[in-house]
Amino acid sequence: MMKKKMMLLALTLLLSLPIFAQNIFTAIQENDAPGVKFLLSRGGVNINAKDAEGNTPIINAVKNEQPRIVKLILQMNDVDVDFQDKLGNTALILACKNGNAESVCYILCHFPKIDAKNKMGTTALITAVNNGNKEIVNTLLLHGARPDITDKQHKTAIDYAQGLNNTEIATLLNNTSAASANETK
């Protein structure tokens, strides 16, 4: 009898895991930070589970521009901050795309691959430059983002800044490139 109860309990727990994971996606979609916090504190949530579209909770929270939920998710030990969505975007690239400096800072605290590229070869820095976000560009540079990396169009962040006539960002990128070149001499 005890063996049957244990088997039934184990089966119930096993079947409930996908429900918890789905609930976290629902909580994120509804911007329910207390719900996300409750689900995470309860345990049993695979923080790197994928939804029907192949996105993890961190990707969904960043896409939905929810920095508070991003912070909650990043408090979990096993979060894959370098997971890439179907287009190859990491949470950092998406946060730069949304111009969400708060999420960018939270993600940078977890040491992502700062120069990871999406399927178009775009990095977080190129994305921030294309959005004209000087604050995020500066933050990425301070964390070691390389302005000399090219995308699939063979353009660097500097090329995009110059193409957009954004002299402030172009100067910032050029100064960083010059400083990096001097350090390697």
C-alpha atoms as a PDB file:
ATOM      1  CA  MET A   1       0.000   0.000   0.000  1.00  0.00           C
ATOM      2  CA  MET A   2       2.831   2.402   0.889  1.00  0.00           C
ATOM      3  CA  LYS A   3       4.558   1.638  -2.401  1.00  0.00           C
ATOM      4  CA  LYS A   4       1.392   2.551  -4.327  1.00  0.00           C
ATOM      5  CA  LYS A   5       1.077   5.850  -2.456  1.00  0.00           C
ATOM      6  CA  MET A   6       4.698   6.702  -3.205  1.00  0.00           C
ATOM      7  CA  MET A   7       4.248   5.843  -6.881  1.00  0.00           C
ATOM      8  CA  LEU A   8       1.081   7.938  -7.029  1.00  0.00           C
ATOM      9  CA  LEU A   9       2.849  10.875  -5.351  1.00  0.00           C
ATOM     10  CA  ALA A  10       5.831  10.593  -7.704  1.00  0.00           C
ATOM     11  CA  LEU A  11       3.539  10.428 -10.740  1.00  0.00           C
ATOM     12  CA  THR A  12       1.565  13.455  -9.523  1.00  0.00           C
ATOM     13  CA  LEU A  13       4.752  15.468  -9.055  1.00  0.00           C
ATOM     14  CA  LEU A  14       6.082  14.428 -12.436  1.00  0.00           C
ATOM     15  CA  LEU A  15       2.885  15.411 -14.206  1.00  0.00           C
ATOM     16  CA  SER A  16       2.645  18.720 -12.371  1.00  0.00           C
ATOM     17  CA  LEU A  17       6.050  20.010 -13.520  1.00  0.00           C
ATOM     18  CA  PRO A  18       4.888  21.091 -16.985  1.00  0.00           C
ATOM     19  CA  ILE A  19       1.864  22.767 -15.377  1.00  0.00           C
ATOM     20  CA  PHE A  20       4.132  24.827 -13.106  1.00  0.00           C
ATOM     21  CA  ALA A  21       6.327  25.748 -16.051  1.00  0.00           C
ATOM     22  CA  GLN A  22       3.297  26.812 -18.068  1.00  0.00           C
ATOM     23  CA  ASN A  23       2.011  28.799 -15.101  1.00  0.00           C
ATOM     24  CA  ILE A  24       5.238  30.776 -14.977  1.00  0.00           C
ATOM     25  CA  PHE A  25       4.776  31.713 -18.639  1.00  0.00           C
ATOM     26  CA  THR A  26       1.210  32.793 -17.901  1.00  0.00           C
ATOM     27  CA  ALA A  27       2.356  34.802 -14.882  1.00  0.00           C
ATOM     28  CA  ILE A  28       5.034  36.507 -17.007  1.00  0.00           C
ATOM     29  CA  GLN A  29       2.544  37.231 -19.799  1.00  0.00           C
ATOM     30  CA  GLU A  30       0.186  38.829 -17.272  1.00  0.00           C
ATOM     31  CA  ASN A  31       3.036  40.808 -15.638  1.00  0.00           C
ATOM     32  CA  ASP A  32       2.233  39.047 -12.370  1.00  0.00           C
ATOM     33  CA  ALA A  33       5.486  39.530 -10.449  1.00  0.00           C
ATOM     34  CA  PRO A  34       4.050  38.177  -7.158  1.00  0.00           C
ATOM     35  CA  GLY A  35       2.821  35.103  -9.049  1.00  0.00           C
ATOM     36  CA  VAL A  36       6.254  34.562 -10.601  1.00  0.00           C
ATOM     37  CA  LYS A  37       7.893  34.998  -7.203  1.00  0.00           C
ATOM     38  CA  PHE A  38       5.482  32.484  -5.647  1.00  0.00           C
ATOM     39  CA  LEU A  39       6.060  29.914  -8.382  1.00  0.00           C
ATOM     40  CA  LEU A  40       9.834  30.296  -8.171  1.00  0.00           C
ATOM     41  CA  SER A  41       9.883  30.071  -4.372  1.00  0.00           C
ATOM     42  CA  ARG A  42       7.718  26.949  -4.470  1.00  0.00           C
ATOM     43  CA  GLY A  43      10.248  25.059  -6.535  1.00  0.00           C
ATOM     44  CA  GLY A  44       9.482  22.580  -9.251  1.00  0.00           C
ATOM     45  CA  VAL A  45       9.818  25.202 -12.001  1.00  0.00           C
ATOM     46  CA  ASN A  46      12.334  24.460 -14.711  1.00  0.00           C
ATOM     47  CA  ILE A  47      13.658  27.982 -15.147  1.00  0.00           C
ATOM     48  CA  ASN A  48      15.023  27.069 -18.583  1.00  0.00           C
ATOM     49  CA  ALA A  49      11.804  25.409 -19.805  1.00  0.00           C
ATOM     50  CA  LYS A  50      10.566  26.477 -23.212  1.00  0.00           C
ATOM     51  CA  ASP A  51       7.069  27.629 -24.071  1.00  0.00           C
ATOM     52  CA  ALA A  52       5.190  26.719 -27.261  1.00  0.00           C
ATOM     53  CA  GLU A  53       7.265  29.285 -29.182  1.00  0.00           C
ATOM     54  CA  GLY A  54      10.558  27.945 -27.834  1.00  0.00           C
ATOM     55  CA  ASN A  55      11.240  30.830 -25.446  1.00  0.00           C
ATOM     56  CA  THR A  56      12.443  30.530 -21.864  1.00  0.00           C
ATOM     57  CA  PRO A  57      11.015  32.564 -18.972  1.00  0.00           C
ATOM     58  CA  ILE A  58      13.914  35.058 -19.100  1.00  0.00           C
ATOM     59  CA  ILE A  59      13.375  35.637 -22.832  1.00  0.00           C
ATOM     60  CA  ASN A  60       9.631  36.154 -22.280  1.00  0.00           C
ATOM     61  CA  ALA A  61      10.160  38.561 -19.389  1.00  0.00           C
ATOM     62  CA  VAL A  62      12.600  40.639 -21.460  1.00  0.00           C
ATOM     63  CA  LYS A  63      10.363  40.583 -24.548  1.00  0.00           C
ATOM     64  CA  ASN A  64       7.429  41.741 -22.413  1.00  0.00           C
ATOM     65  CA  GLU A  65       9.603  44.538 -20.947  1.00  0.00           C
ATOM     66  CA  GLN A  66       9.226  43.416 -17.333  1.00  0.00           C
ATOM     67  CA  PRO A  67      12.484  44.256 -15.519  1.00  0.00           C
ATOM     68  CA  ARG A  68      11.075  43.317 -12.108  1.00  0.00           C
ATOM     69  CA  ILE A  69      10.318  39.810 -13.349  1.00  0.00           C
ATOM     70  CA  VAL A  70      13.701  39.663 -15.118  1.00  0.00           C
ATOM     71  CA  LYS A  71      15.326  40.361 -11.754  1.00  0.00           C
ATOM     72  CA  LEU A  72      13.250  37.638 -10.026  1.00  0.00           C
ATOM     73  CA  ILE A  73      14.150  35.056 -12.666  1.00  0.00           C
ATOM     74  CA  LEU A  74      17.838  35.953 -12.556  1.00  0.00           C
ATOM     75  CA  GLN A  75      17.865  35.205  -8.836  1.00  0.00           C
ATOM     76  CA  MET A  76      17.511  31.523  -9.722  1.00  0.00           C
ATOM     77  CA  ASN A  77      20.820  29.660  -9.861  1.00  0.00           C
ATOM     78  CA  ASP A  78      20.537  27.822 -13.152  1.00  0.00           C
ATOM     79  CA  VAL A  79      19.177  30.503 -15.479  1.00  0.00           C
ATOM     80  CA  ASP A  80      20.686  30.288 -18.959  1.00  0.00           C
ATOM     81  CA  VAL A  81      21.223  34.001 -19.699  1.00  0.00           C
ATOM     82  CA  ASP A  82      22.756  33.090 -23.049  1.00  0.00           C
ATOM     83  CA  PHE A  83      19.743  31.143 -24.344  1.00  0.00           C
ATOM     84  CA  GLN A  84      18.829  32.277 -27.854  1.00  0.00           C
ATOM     85  CA  ASP A  85      15.315  32.554 -29.256  1.00  0.00           C
ATOM     86  CA  LYS A  86      14.368  31.402 -32.766  1.00  0.00           C
ATOM     87  CA  LEU A  87      16.069  34.472 -34.263  1.00  0.00           C
ATOM     88  CA  GLY A  88      19.196  33.916 -32.203  1.00  0.00           C
ATOM     89  CA  ASN A  89      18.501  36.816 -29.850  1.00  0.00           C
ATOM     90  CA  THR A  90      19.726  36.521 -26.280  1.00  0.00           C
ATOM     91  CA  ALA A  91      17.999  38.223 -23.356  1.00  0.00           C
ATOM     92  CA  LEU A  92      20.706  40.912 -23.523  1.00  0.00           C
ATOM     93  CA  ILE A  93      20.124  41.628 -27.217  1.00  0.00           C
ATOM     94  CA  LEU A  94      16.360  41.824 -26.612  1.00  0.00           C
ATOM     95  CA  ALA A  95      16.774  44.148 -23.621  1.00  0.00           C
ATOM     96  CA  CYS A  96      18.937  46.415 -25.825  1.00  0.00           C
ATOM     97  CA  LYS A  97      16.322  46.251 -28.582  1.00  0.00           C
ATOM     98  CA  ASN A  98      13.645  47.352 -26.093  1.00  0.00           C
ATOM     99  CA  GLY A  99      15.913  50.071 -24.714  1.00  0.00           C
ATOM    100  CA  ASN A 100      15.420  48.682 -21.226  1.00  0.00           C
ATOM    101  CA  ALA A 101      18.524  49.820 -19.340  1.00  0.00           C
ATOM    102  CA  GLU A 102      17.304  48.266 -16.092  1.00  0.00           C
ATOM    103  CA  SER A 103      17.030  44.775 -17.615  1.00  0.00           C
ATOM    104  CA  VAL A 104      20.363  45.255 -19.390  1.00  0.00           C
ATOM    105  CA  CYS A 105      22.048  45.951 -16.040  1.00  0.00           C
ATOM    106  CA  TYR A 106      20.376  42.970 -14.346  1.00  0.00           C
ATOM    107  CA  ILE A 107      21.476  40.650 -17.153  1.00  0.00           C
ATOM    108  CA  LEU A 108      25.039  42.010 -17.200  1.00  0.00           C
ATOM    109  CA  CYS A 109      25.358  41.106 -13.508  1.00  0.00           C
ATOM    110  CA  HIS A 110      25.076  37.459 -14.585  1.00  0.00           C
ATOM    111  CA  PHE A 111      28.027  37.571 -16.979  1.00  0.00           C
ATOM    112  CA  PRO A 112      26.379  36.819 -20.319  1.00  0.00           C
ATOM    113  CA  LYS A 113      28.342  36.337 -23.498  1.00  0.00           C
ATOM    114  CA  ILE A 114      28.301  40.065 -24.142  1.00  0.00           C
ATOM    115  CA  ASP A 115      29.297  39.794 -27.801  1.00  0.00           C
ATOM    116  CA  ALA A 116      26.929  36.934 -28.695  1.00  0.00           C
ATOM    117  CA  LYS A 117      25.421  37.312 -32.151  1.00  0.00           C
ATOM    118  CA  ASN A 118      21.918  36.580 -33.376  1.00  0.00           C
ATOM    119  CA  LYS A 119      21.201  34.963 -36.751  1.00  0.00           C
ATOM    120  CA  MET A 120      21.834  38.304 -38.509  1.00  0.00           C
ATOM    121  CA  GLY A 121      25.197  38.601 -36.769  1.00  0.00           C
ATOM    122  CA  THR A 122      23.910  41.475 -34.650  1.00  0.00           C
ATOM    123  CA  THR A 123      25.315  41.910 -31.142  1.00  0.00           C
ATOM    124  CA  ALA A 124      23.754  43.682 -28.165  1.00  0.00           C
ATOM    125  CA  LEU A 125      26.040  46.655 -28.835  1.00  0.00           C
ATOM    126  CA  ILE A 126      24.996  46.958 -32.481  1.00  0.00           C
ATOM    127  CA  THR A 127      21.366  46.731 -31.363  1.00  0.00           C
ATOM    128  CA  ALA A 128      21.814  49.500 -28.781  1.00  0.00           C
ATOM    129  CA  VAL A 129      23.602  51.673 -31.364  1.00  0.00           C
ATOM    130  CA  ASN A 130      20.803  51.163 -33.900  1.00  0.00           C
ATOM    131  CA  ASN A 131      18.320  52.257 -31.240  1.00  0.00           C
ATOM    132  CA  GLY A 132      20.410  55.348 -30.466  1.00  0.00           C
ATOM    133  CA  ASN A 133      20.592  54.474 -26.776  1.00  0.00           C
ATOM    134  CA  LYS A 134      23.789  56.118 -25.543  1.00  0.00           C
ATOM    135  CA  GLU A 135      23.268  54.981 -21.927  1.00  0.00           C
ATOM    136  CA  ILE A 136      23.041  51.310 -22.895  1.00  0.00           C
ATOM    137  CA  VAL A 137      25.919  51.639 -25.380  1.00  0.00           C
ATOM    138  CA  ASN A 138      28.099  53.097 -22.642  1.00  0.00           C
ATOM    139  CA  THR A 139      27.052  50.374 -20.157  1.00  0.00           C
ATOM    140  CA  LEU A 140      27.876  47.629 -22.662  1.00  0.00           C
ATOM    141  CA  LEU A 141      31.260  49.183 -23.428  1.00  0.00           C
ATOM    142  CA  LEU A 142      32.064  49.410 -19.715  1.00  0.00           C
ATOM    143  CA  HIS A 143      31.302  45.688 -19.469  1.00  0.00           C
ATOM    144  CA  GLY A 144      33.662  44.836 -22.315  1.00  0.00           C
ATOM    145  CA  ALA A 145      31.481  44.813 -25.436  1.00  0.00           C
ATOM    146  CA  ARG A 146      33.651  45.041 -28.525  1.00  0.00           C
ATOM    147  CA  PRO A 147      32.749  47.796 -31.014  1.00  0.00           C
ATOM    148  CA  ASP A 148      34.832  46.188 -33.785  1.00  0.00           C
ATOM    149  CA  ILE A 149      32.686  43.066 -34.254  1.00  0.00           C
ATOM    150  CA  THR A 150      30.945  42.871 -37.630  1.00  0.00           C
ATOM    151  CA  ASP A 151      27.487  41.562 -38.441  1.00  0.00           C
ATOM    152  CA  LYS A 152      26.485  39.651 -41.584  1.00  0.00           C
ATOM    153  CA  GLN A 153      26.442  42.928 -43.515  1.00  0.00           C
ATOM    154  CA  HIS A 154      30.110  43.412 -42.545  1.00  0.00           C
ATOM    155  CA  LYS A 155      29.248  46.480 -40.460  1.00  0.00           C
ATOM    156  CA  THR A 156      30.445  47.323 -36.968  1.00  0.00           C
ATOM    157  CA  ALA A 157      28.659  49.300 -34.263  1.00  0.00           C
ATOM    158  CA  ILE A 158      30.792  52.294 -35.316  1.00  0.00           C
ATOM    159  CA  ASP A 159      29.595  51.942 -38.929  1.00  0.00           C
ATOM    160  CA  TYR A 160      25.962  51.992 -37.761  1.00  0.00           C
ATOM    161  CA  ALA A 161      26.498  55.006 -35.496  1.00  0.00           C
ATOM    162  CA  GLN A 162      28.121  56.916 -38.370  1.00  0.00           C
ATOM    163  CA  GLY A 163      25.376  55.835 -40.778  1.00  0.00           C
ATOM    164  CA  LEU A 164      22.765  57.176 -38.378  1.00  0.00           C
ATOM    165  CA  ASN A 165      24.751  60.420 -37.961  1.00  0.00           C
ATOM    166  CA  ASN A 166      24.861  59.805 -34.226  1.00  0.00           C
ATOM    167  CA  THR A 167      28.108  61.616 -33.489  1.00  0.00           C
ATOM    168  CA  GLU A 168      27.845  61.151 -29.700  1.00  0.00           C
ATOM    169  CA  ILE A 169      27.685  57.380 -29.942  1.00  0.00           C
ATOM    170  CA  ALA A 170      30.229  57.260 -32.784  1.00  0.00           C
ATOM    171  CA  THR A 171      32.677  59.264 -30.666  1.00  0.00           C
ATOM    172  CA  LEU A 172      32.073  57.011 -27.677  1.00  0.00           C
ATOM    173  CA  LEU A 173      32.690  53.912 -29.799  1.00  0.00           C
ATOM    174  CA  ASN A 174      35.763  55.396 -31.494  1.00  0.00           C
ATOM    175  CA  ASN A 175      37.262  56.368 -28.134  1.00  0.00           C
ATOM    176  CA  THR A 176      36.695  52.843 -26.842  1.00  0.00           C
ATOM    177  CA  SER A 177      38.247  51.336 -29.974  1.00  0.00           C
ATOM    178  CA  ALA A 178      41.257  53.657 -29.680  1.00  0.00           C
ATOM    179  CA  ALA A 179      41.685  52.800 -25.986  1.00  0.00           C
ATOM    180  CA  SER A 180      41.494  49.085 -26.776  1.00  0.00           C
ATOM    181  CA  ALA A 181      44.077  49.442 -29.545  1.00  0.00           C
ATOM    182  CA  ASN A 182      46.432  51.284 -27.189  1.00  0.00           C
ATOM    183  CA  GLU A 183      46.066  48.573 -24.531  1.00  0.00           C
ATOM    184  CA  THR A 184      47.157  45.878 -26.987  1.00  0.00           C
ATOM    185  CA  LYS A 185      50.325  47.758 -28.029  1.00  0.00           C
END
